[in-house]
Amino acid sequence: MSVRPRTSASPLPPSHTNLLAAAIATQSYCVADFTSNLELYFAFDEGTGTLATDLSGNSRNGTLTNSPTWGTGKIRGALTFVGSSSQYVATSYAGINGTGARTVAFWAKTTDTNAATTADPVINWGTAGAGAQWLIAIQNGVLWERSVGVTASFGSGLNDGNWHHIAMTMPSGGLCNQIKGYIDGVSQTGSYVGGTTAINTGTTYPLNVCTQPANVVYFNGSVDEVRVYSRELTSADVAALAAWSGGNLAAQTYYRRIFGG
């Protein structure tokens, strides 16, 4: 008997409900894990108001400052930031501190060509010092993680006005040259300064989206689907996250495996 392929949007047949429930319980359905150790998740789907709701379950909500604009994102809603208007999202969450493993992932769209070393921060927390600040920026189209005298950079062309999925990961106890950068789900070759410097993130500044308080600079562009994890996502996790379109991952993977959709 042949089985007609189904799309990921098709309703799950009632006869397979128990199979899917069992697969979810054992996580055997999934080649990627989006949820373990998820510390903060902004979908930016509110569309109005000054609250960015943390969907991780940890109640680390953000406050829109100086009126960034709600609009259409890569997945449903997003926020657009104008750097000259000092727009950002503030939180009281300290981020992943010390030498802890981490991943930051988000979608971003920008056309900014500012090449200054402090330009266009997207995610920032920590203390100003070598290896003590966790700052992810898109500087003139290049992806950066940087602190004082210690940098990791990846790729180019991210200021082409298109949406790009960004992820930055680090293992527990990692050095600068163990930071990995991913663009659109693909691992990038890194360029490192101070590569053997240990990353030991401080607590002076809490996590902010689209600003770097120490230098009073801001991001120009749109941001969507911000996630922070207290673990290093695998390359399979990152690739699947970049391919995710907002549906039910469990059901989509189940369909692909069982029905070929």
C-alpha atoms as a PDB file:
ATOM      1  CA  MET A   1       0.000   0.000   0.000  1.00  0.00           C
ATOM      2  CA  SER A   2       1.360   3.393  -0.923  1.00  0.00           C
ATOM      3  CA  VAL A   3       1.090   6.364   1.409  1.00  0.00           C
ATOM      4  CA  ARG A   4       0.316   9.743  -0.119  1.00  0.00           C
ATOM      5  CA  PRO A   5       2.965  12.319   0.861  1.00  0.00           C
ATOM      6  CA  ARG A   6       1.675  15.084   3.083  1.00  0.00           C
ATOM      7  CA  THR A   7       2.901  18.603   3.636  1.00  0.00           C
ATOM      8  CA  SER A   8       3.997  19.826   7.040  1.00  0.00           C
ATOM      9  CA  ALA A   9       0.819  21.917   7.186  1.00  0.00           C
ATOM     10  CA  SER A  10      -1.515  18.923   6.732  1.00  0.00           C
ATOM     11  CA  PRO A  11      -3.546  17.895   9.801  1.00  0.00           C
ATOM     12  CA  LEU A  12      -2.210  14.873  11.645  1.00  0.00           C
ATOM     13  CA  PRO A  13      -4.376  11.779  10.989  1.00  0.00           C
ATOM     14  CA  PRO A  14      -6.161  10.691  14.201  1.00  0.00           C
ATOM     15  CA  SER A  15      -4.788   7.167  13.800  1.00  0.00           C
ATOM     16  CA  HIS A  16      -1.262   8.500  14.253  1.00  0.00           C
ATOM     17  CA  THR A  17      -1.865  10.759  17.261  1.00  0.00           C
ATOM     18  CA  ASN A  18      -0.545   8.221  19.768  1.00  0.00           C
ATOM     19  CA  LEU A  19       2.561   7.576  17.667  1.00  0.00           C
ATOM     20  CA  LEU A  20       3.357  11.275  17.568  1.00  0.00           C
ATOM     21  CA  ALA A  21       2.777  11.620  21.317  1.00  0.00           C
ATOM     22  CA  ALA A  22       5.184   8.746  21.969  1.00  0.00           C
ATOM     23  CA  ALA A  23       7.753  10.249  19.633  1.00  0.00           C
ATOM     24  CA  ILE A  24       7.512  13.593  21.406  1.00  0.00           C
ATOM     25  CA  ALA A  25       7.891  11.924  24.815  1.00  0.00           C
ATOM     26  CA  THR A  26      11.126  10.209  23.778  1.00  0.00           C
ATOM     27  CA  GLN A  27      12.342  12.982  21.440  1.00  0.00           C
ATOM     28  CA  SER A  28      12.997  10.204  18.939  1.00  0.00           C
ATOM     29  CA  TYR A  29      11.098  12.176  16.294  1.00  0.00           C
ATOM     30  CA  CYS A  30      13.603  14.985  16.060  1.00  0.00           C
ATOM     31  CA  VAL A  31      17.086  15.356  14.647  1.00  0.00           C
ATOM     32  CA  ALA A  32      17.331  18.847  16.157  1.00  0.00           C
ATOM     33  CA  ASP A  33      16.522  20.353  19.543  1.00  0.00           C
ATOM     34  CA  PHE A  34      15.178  23.911  19.746  1.00  0.00           C
ATOM     35  CA  THR A  35      13.930  23.898  23.340  1.00  0.00           C
ATOM     36  CA  SER A  36      16.471  22.440  25.793  1.00  0.00           C
ATOM     37  CA  ASN A  37      18.166  25.121  27.893  1.00  0.00           C
ATOM     38  CA  LEU A  38      16.239  27.909  26.181  1.00  0.00           C
ATOM     39  CA  GLU A  39      16.772  30.877  28.505  1.00  0.00           C
ATOM     40  CA  LEU A  40      15.104  33.685  26.560  1.00  0.00           C
ATOM     41  CA  TYR A  41      12.965  33.844  23.425  1.00  0.00           C
ATOM     42  CA  PHE A  42      11.552  36.978  21.820  1.00  0.00           C
ATOM     43  CA  ALA A  43       9.339  36.212  18.810  1.00  0.00           C
ATOM     44  CA  PHE A  44       8.442  39.923  18.461  1.00  0.00           C
ATOM     45  CA  ASP A  45       4.927  39.018  17.349  1.00  0.00           C
ATOM     46  CA  GLU A  46       3.027  41.379  19.674  1.00  0.00           C
ATOM     47  CA  GLY A  47       2.484  44.009  16.981  1.00  0.00           C
ATOM     48  CA  THR A  48       1.724  46.796  19.422  1.00  0.00           C
ATOM     49  CA  GLY A  49       2.717  48.193  22.807  1.00  0.00           C
ATOM     50  CA  THR A  50       6.050  48.395  24.613  1.00  0.00           C
ATOM     51  CA  LEU A  51       6.316  44.813  25.921  1.00  0.00           C
ATOM     52  CA  ALA A  52       8.410  42.092  24.279  1.00  0.00           C
ATOM     53  CA  THR A  53       7.184  38.851  25.814  1.00  0.00           C
ATOM     54  CA  ASP A  54       9.712  36.170  26.712  1.00  0.00           C
ATOM     55  CA  LEU A  55       8.272  32.906  25.353  1.00  0.00           C
ATOM     56  CA  SER A  56      10.901  30.697  27.005  1.00  0.00           C
ATOM     57  CA  GLY A  57       8.785  30.385  30.147  1.00  0.00           C
ATOM     58  CA  ASN A  58      11.380  32.256  32.228  1.00  0.00           C
ATOM     59  CA  SER A  59       9.487  35.584  32.348  1.00  0.00           C
ATOM     60  CA  ARG A  60      12.469  37.624  31.129  1.00  0.00           C
ATOM     61  CA  ASN A  61      10.332  40.127  29.289  1.00  0.00           C
ATOM     62  CA  GLY A  62      11.796  43.103  27.465  1.00  0.00           C
ATOM     63  CA  THR A  63      10.781  46.751  27.310  1.00  0.00           C
ATOM     64  CA  LEU A  64      10.772  48.631  24.003  1.00  0.00           C
ATOM     65  CA  THR A  65      12.702  51.878  24.470  1.00  0.00           C
ATOM     66  CA  ASN A  66      12.320  54.960  22.247  1.00  0.00           C
ATOM     67  CA  SER A  67       9.694  53.341  20.054  1.00  0.00           C
ATOM     68  CA  PRO A  68      11.192  50.754  17.713  1.00  0.00           C
ATOM     69  CA  THR A  69       8.581  49.939  15.064  1.00  0.00           C
ATOM     70  CA  TRP A  70       6.445  46.801  14.912  1.00  0.00           C
ATOM     71  CA  GLY A  71       6.220  45.286  11.456  1.00  0.00           C
ATOM     72  CA  THR A  72       6.398  42.143   9.327  1.00  0.00           C
ATOM     73  CA  GLY A  73       9.283  39.840  10.111  1.00  0.00           C
ATOM     74  CA  LYS A  74      10.857  36.706   8.733  1.00  0.00           C
ATOM     75  CA  ILE A  75       8.386  34.711  10.839  1.00  0.00           C
ATOM     76  CA  ARG A  76       5.206  36.687  11.556  1.00  0.00           C
ATOM     77  CA  GLY A  77       6.149  39.942  13.369  1.00  0.00           C
ATOM     78  CA  ALA A  78       9.459  41.732  13.957  1.00  0.00           C
ATOM     79  CA  LEU A  79      10.909  44.987  15.236  1.00  0.00           C
ATOM     80  CA  THR A  80      12.693  47.641  13.183  1.00  0.00           C
ATOM     81  CA  PHE A  81      15.272  49.844  14.901  1.00  0.00           C
ATOM     82  CA  VAL A  82      16.596  53.268  13.906  1.00  0.00           C
ATOM     83  CA  GLY A  83      19.980  53.791  15.486  1.00  0.00           C
ATOM     84  CA  SER A  84      19.834  57.582  15.336  1.00  0.00           C
ATOM     85  CA  SER A  85      16.665  57.414  17.444  1.00  0.00           C
ATOM     86  CA  SER A  86      18.383  55.331  20.157  1.00  0.00           C
ATOM     87  CA  GLN A  87      15.866  52.494  19.826  1.00  0.00           C
ATOM     88  CA  TYR A  88      16.397  49.181  21.613  1.00  0.00           C
ATOM     89  CA  VAL A  89      14.829  46.498  23.826  1.00  0.00           C
ATOM     90  CA  ALA A  90      15.936  46.469  27.464  1.00  0.00           C
ATOM     91  CA  THR A  91      15.815  43.523  29.865  1.00  0.00           C
ATOM     92  CA  SER A  92      16.953  42.827  33.407  1.00  0.00           C
ATOM     93  CA  TYR A  93      18.254  39.380  32.437  1.00  0.00           C
ATOM     94  CA  ALA A  94      21.976  39.014  33.148  1.00  0.00           C
ATOM     95  CA  GLY A  95      22.561  36.645  30.217  1.00  0.00           C
ATOM     96  CA  ILE A  96      24.923  33.655  30.310  1.00  0.00           C
ATOM     97  CA  ASN A  97      27.755  34.660  32.600  1.00  0.00           C
ATOM     98  CA  GLY A  98      31.203  33.373  33.445  1.00  0.00           C
ATOM     99  CA  THR A  99      32.462  30.546  31.265  1.00  0.00           C
ATOM    100  CA  GLY A 100      29.053  28.979  30.611  1.00  0.00           C
ATOM    101  CA  ALA A 101      28.169  27.374  27.294  1.00  0.00           C
ATOM    102  CA  ARG A 102      25.837  29.464  25.169  1.00  0.00           C
ATOM    103  CA  THR A 103      24.095  30.066  21.872  1.00  0.00           C
ATOM    104  CA  VAL A 104      22.483  33.248  20.592  1.00  0.00           C
ATOM    105  CA  ALA A 105      20.321  33.037  17.464  1.00  0.00           C
ATOM    106  CA  PHE A 106      18.164  35.561  15.612  1.00  0.00           C
ATOM    107  CA  TRP A 107      17.036  36.810  12.205  1.00  0.00           C
ATOM    108  CA  ALA A 108      18.320  40.208  11.061  1.00  0.00           C
ATOM    109  CA  LYS A 109      17.897  42.483   8.052  1.00  0.00           C
ATOM    110  CA  THR A 110      20.004  45.598   7.461  1.00  0.00           C
ATOM    111  CA  THR A 111      21.552  47.774   4.761  1.00  0.00           C
ATOM    112  CA  ASP A 112      23.901  49.654   7.091  1.00  0.00           C
ATOM    113  CA  THR A 113      27.460  50.188   5.814  1.00  0.00           C
ATOM    114  CA  ASN A 114      28.886  51.664   9.011  1.00  0.00           C
ATOM    115  CA  ALA A 115      32.367  50.133   9.409  1.00  0.00           C
ATOM    116  CA  ALA A 116      33.114  51.597  12.850  1.00  0.00           C
ATOM    117  CA  THR A 117      34.276  48.995  15.370  1.00  0.00           C
ATOM    118  CA  THR A 118      31.354  49.860  17.644  1.00  0.00           C
ATOM    119  CA  ALA A 119      28.711  49.745  14.880  1.00  0.00           C
ATOM    120  CA  ASP A 120      25.381  47.915  14.845  1.00  0.00           C
ATOM    121  CA  PRO A 121      25.205  45.800  18.016  1.00  0.00           C
ATOM    122  CA  VAL A 122      22.359  43.277  17.943  1.00  0.00           C
ATOM    123  CA  ILE A 123      22.765  41.392  21.239  1.00  0.00           C
ATOM    124  CA  ASN A 124      24.893  42.583  24.150  1.00  0.00           C
ATOM    125  CA  TRP A 125      25.528  41.795  27.803  1.00  0.00           C
ATOM    126  CA  GLY A 126      28.479  41.595  30.195  1.00  0.00           C
ATOM    127  CA  THR A 127      31.349  43.838  31.250  1.00  0.00           C
ATOM    128  CA  ALA A 128      33.667  45.966  29.122  1.00  0.00           C
ATOM    129  CA  GLY A 129      36.931  44.002  29.181  1.00  0.00           C
ATOM    130  CA  ALA A 130      38.903  41.346  27.323  1.00  0.00           C
ATOM    131  CA  GLY A 131      36.670  38.282  27.014  1.00  0.00           C
ATOM    132  CA  ALA A 132      34.206  39.747  29.535  1.00  0.00           C
ATOM    133  CA  GLN A 133      31.598  41.143  27.152  1.00  0.00           C
ATOM    134  CA  TRP A 134      29.300  39.057  24.950  1.00  0.00           C
ATOM    135  CA  LEU A 135      28.492  41.380  22.076  1.00  0.00           C
ATOM    136  CA  ILE A 136      27.154  40.217  18.715  1.00  0.00           C
ATOM    137  CA  ALA A 137      27.112  42.820  15.950  1.00  0.00           C
ATOM    138  CA  ILE A 138      26.760  43.118  12.187  1.00  0.00           C
ATOM    139  CA  GLN A 139      29.444  45.593  11.187  1.00  0.00           C
ATOM    140  CA  ASN A 140      29.311  46.633   7.523  1.00  0.00           C
ATOM    141  CA  GLY A 141      27.853  43.238   6.613  1.00  0.00           C
ATOM    142  CA  VAL A 142      30.262  41.149   8.716  1.00  0.00           C
ATOM    143  CA  LEU A 143      29.160  39.101  11.733  1.00  0.00           C
ATOM    144  CA  TRP A 144      31.179  39.853  14.884  1.00  0.00           C
ATOM    145  CA  GLU A 145      31.468  38.722  18.476  1.00  0.00           C
ATOM    146  CA  ARG A 146      33.724  41.145  20.273  1.00  0.00           C
ATOM    147  CA  SER A 147      35.010  42.528  23.550  1.00  0.00           C
ATOM    148  CA  VAL A 148      38.024  44.712  24.339  1.00  0.00           C
ATOM    149  CA  GLY A 149      40.902  43.403  22.187  1.00  0.00           C
ATOM    150  CA  VAL A 150      39.206  40.046  21.591  1.00  0.00           C
ATOM    151  CA  THR A 151      37.129  39.397  18.462  1.00  0.00           C
ATOM    152  CA  ALA A 152      35.674  36.652  16.315  1.00  0.00           C
ATOM    153  CA  SER A 153      34.338  37.542  12.862  1.00  0.00           C
ATOM    154  CA  PHE A 154      32.484  35.559  10.217  1.00  0.00           C
ATOM    155  CA  GLY A 155      31.152  35.954   6.678  1.00  0.00           C
ATOM    156  CA  SER A 156      30.256  39.085   4.739  1.00  0.00           C
ATOM    157  CA  GLY A 157      27.417  40.661   2.792  1.00  0.00           C
ATOM    158  CA  LEU A 158      24.887  40.605   5.627  1.00  0.00           C
ATOM    159  CA  ASN A 159      23.896  44.202   4.835  1.00  0.00           C
ATOM    160  CA  ASP A 160      22.241  43.296   1.519  1.00  0.00           C
ATOM    161  CA  GLY A 161      18.740  44.154   2.748  1.00  0.00           C
ATOM    162  CA  ASN A 162      17.633  40.517   2.993  1.00  0.00           C
ATOM    163  CA  TRP A 163      16.737  38.490   6.067  1.00  0.00           C
ATOM    164  CA  HIS A 164      19.619  36.345   7.358  1.00  0.00           C
ATOM    165  CA  HIS A 165      19.600  33.820  10.162  1.00  0.00           C
ATOM    166  CA  ILE A 166      22.472  34.346  12.581  1.00  0.00           C
ATOM    167  CA  ALA A 167      23.737  32.023  15.316  1.00  0.00           C
ATOM    168  CA  MET A 168      26.778  32.270  17.563  1.00  0.00           C
ATOM    169  CA  THR A 169      27.791  29.382  19.829  1.00  0.00           C
ATOM    170  CA  MET A 170      30.440  28.667  22.454  1.00  0.00           C
ATOM    171  CA  PRO A 171      31.202  25.528  24.502  1.00  0.00           C
ATOM    172  CA  SER A 172      31.526  25.598  28.282  1.00  0.00           C
ATOM    173  CA  GLY A 173      34.913  27.032  29.239  1.00  0.00           C
ATOM    174  CA  GLY A 174      35.478  28.147  25.662  1.00  0.00           C
ATOM    175  CA  LEU A 175      38.228  30.322  24.265  1.00  0.00           C
ATOM    176  CA  CYS A 176      37.665  33.047  21.701  1.00  0.00           C
ATOM    177  CA  ASN A 177      38.799  30.740  18.891  1.00  0.00           C
ATOM    178  CA  GLN A 178      36.180  28.158  19.936  1.00  0.00           C
ATOM    179  CA  ILE A 179      33.318  30.534  19.154  1.00  0.00           C
ATOM    180  CA  LYS A 180      31.401  29.359  16.085  1.00  0.00           C
ATOM    181  CA  GLY A 181      29.443  31.604  13.758  1.00  0.00           C
ATOM    182  CA  TYR A 182      26.611  30.434  11.510  1.00  0.00           C
ATOM    183  CA  ILE A 183      24.910  32.361   8.709  1.00  0.00           C
ATOM    184  CA  ASP A 184      21.655  31.015   7.263  1.00  0.00           C
ATOM    185  CA  GLY A 185      22.266  27.695   8.984  1.00  0.00           C
ATOM    186  CA  VAL A 186      25.792  27.186   7.606  1.00  0.00           C
ATOM    187  CA  SER A 187      28.940  27.207   9.763  1.00  0.00           C
ATOM    188  CA  GLN A 188      31.381  29.927   8.729  1.00  0.00           C
ATOM    189  CA  THR A 189      35.190  30.079   8.818  1.00  0.00           C
ATOM    190  CA  GLY A 190      36.175  32.388  11.644  1.00  0.00           C
ATOM    191  CA  SER A 191      38.845  35.062  11.922  1.00  0.00           C
ATOM    192  CA  TYR A 192      40.061  35.605  15.486  1.00  0.00           C
ATOM    193  CA  VAL A 193      41.973  38.259  17.404  1.00  0.00           C
ATOM    194  CA  GLY A 194      43.079  37.177  20.866  1.00  0.00           C
ATOM    195  CA  GLY A 195      41.989  33.690  19.935  1.00  0.00           C
ATOM    196  CA  THR A 196      43.378  31.942  23.023  1.00  0.00           C
ATOM    197  CA  THR A 197      41.698  34.385  25.408  1.00  0.00           C
ATOM    198  CA  ALA A 198      39.212  32.676  27.709  1.00  0.00           C
ATOM    199  CA  ILE A 199      35.638  33.930  27.522  1.00  0.00           C
ATOM    200  CA  ASN A 200      34.498  34.846  31.032  1.00  0.00           C
ATOM    201  CA  THR A 201      31.468  37.093  30.706  1.00  0.00           C
ATOM    202  CA  GLY A 202      30.788  39.676  33.406  1.00  0.00           C
ATOM    203  CA  THR A 203      27.569  41.045  34.845  1.00  0.00           C
ATOM    204  CA  THR A 204      27.839  44.849  34.557  1.00  0.00           C
ATOM    205  CA  TYR A 205      25.229  45.181  31.814  1.00  0.00           C
ATOM    206  CA  PRO A 206      22.136  42.988  31.422  1.00  0.00           C
ATOM    207  CA  LEU A 207      21.056  41.667  28.048  1.00  0.00           C
ATOM    208  CA  ASN A 208      19.863  44.324  25.628  1.00  0.00           C
ATOM    209  CA  VAL A 209      18.707  43.973  22.026  1.00  0.00           C
ATOM    210  CA  CYS A 210      20.128  46.441  19.493  1.00  0.00           C
ATOM    211  CA  THR A 211      22.272  48.559  21.778  1.00  0.00           C
ATOM    212  CA  GLN A 212      25.665  48.524  23.451  1.00  0.00           C
ATOM    213  CA  PRO A 213      25.281  50.673  26.579  1.00  0.00           C
ATOM    214  CA  ALA A 214      29.021  51.000  27.242  1.00  0.00           C
ATOM    215  CA  ASN A 215      29.541  52.876  23.958  1.00  0.00           C
ATOM    216  CA  VAL A 216      25.985  54.229  23.556  1.00  0.00           C
ATOM    217  CA  VAL A 217      25.555  52.824  20.042  1.00  0.00           C
ATOM    218  CA  TYR A 218      22.571  51.181  18.376  1.00  0.00           C
ATOM    219  CA  PHE A 219      21.547  48.866  15.521  1.00  0.00           C
ATOM    220  CA  ASN A 220      20.012  50.003  12.238  1.00  0.00           C
ATOM    221  CA  GLY A 221      17.676  47.421  10.760  1.00  0.00           C
ATOM    222  CA  SER A 222      15.096  44.768  11.655  1.00  0.00           C
ATOM    223  CA  VAL A 223      15.380  41.851  14.084  1.00  0.00           C
ATOM    224  CA  ASP A 224      13.181  38.795  14.625  1.00  0.00           C
ATOM    225  CA  GLU A 225      13.124  35.535  16.615  1.00  0.00           C
ATOM    226  CA  VAL A 226      15.802  36.232  19.251  1.00  0.00           C
ATOM    227  CA  ARG A 227      16.804  33.142  21.237  1.00  0.00           C
ATOM    228  CA  VAL A 228      19.401  32.635  23.982  1.00  0.00           C
ATOM    229  CA  TYR A 229      20.412  29.144  25.146  1.00  0.00           C
ATOM    230  CA  SER A 230      22.629  28.012  28.028  1.00  0.00           C
ATOM    231  CA  ARG A 231      24.189  25.320  25.851  1.00  0.00           C
ATOM    232  CA  GLU A 232      26.108  25.085  22.599  1.00  0.00           C
ATOM    233  CA  LEU A 233      23.648  24.121  19.885  1.00  0.00           C
ATOM    234  CA  THR A 234      24.899  21.519  17.436  1.00  0.00           C
ATOM    235  CA  SER A 235      25.309  22.286  13.751  1.00  0.00           C
ATOM    236  CA  ALA A 236      22.165  20.207  13.116  1.00  0.00           C
ATOM    237  CA  ASP A 237      20.246  22.279  15.679  1.00  0.00           C
ATOM    238  CA  VAL A 238      21.329  25.534  14.045  1.00  0.00           C
ATOM    239  CA  ALA A 239      20.572  24.351  10.508  1.00  0.00           C
ATOM    240  CA  ALA A 240      17.100  23.196  11.522  1.00  0.00           C
ATOM    241  CA  LEU A 241      16.439  26.434  13.421  1.00  0.00           C
ATOM    242  CA  ALA A 242      17.394  28.455  10.342  1.00  0.00           C
ATOM    243  CA  ALA A 243      15.011  26.326   8.242  1.00  0.00           C
ATOM    244  CA  TRP A 244      12.153  26.573  10.750  1.00  0.00           C
ATOM    245  CA  SER A 245       9.188  28.536   9.400  1.00  0.00           C
ATOM    246  CA  GLY A 246       7.136  28.897  12.558  1.00  0.00           C
ATOM    247  CA  GLY A 247       5.150  25.657  12.498  1.00  0.00           C
ATOM    248  CA  ASN A 248       5.167  22.672  14.832  1.00  0.00           C
ATOM    249  CA  LEU A 249       8.654  21.175  14.537  1.00  0.00           C
ATOM    250  CA  ALA A 250       7.595  17.821  16.004  1.00  0.00           C
ATOM    251  CA  ALA A 251       4.777  17.370  13.519  1.00  0.00           C
ATOM    252  CA  GLN A 252       6.872  18.575  10.585  1.00  0.00           C
ATOM    253  CA  THR A 253       9.692  16.149  11.319  1.00  0.00           C
ATOM    254  CA  TYR A 254       7.217  13.347  11.943  1.00  0.00           C
ATOM    255  CA  TYR A 255       5.615  13.941   8.549  1.00  0.00           C
ATOM    256  CA  ARG A 256       8.964  14.039   6.792  1.00  0.00           C
ATOM    257  CA  ARG A 257       9.999  10.711   8.277  1.00  0.00           C
ATOM    258  CA  ILE A 258       6.703   8.849   8.087  1.00  0.00           C
ATOM    259  CA  PHE A 259       4.974  10.367   5.070  1.00  0.00           C
ATOM    260  CA  GLY A 260       7.841  11.830   3.056  1.00  0.00           C
ATOM    261  CA  GLY A 261       6.362  15.358   3.141  1.00  0.00           C
END
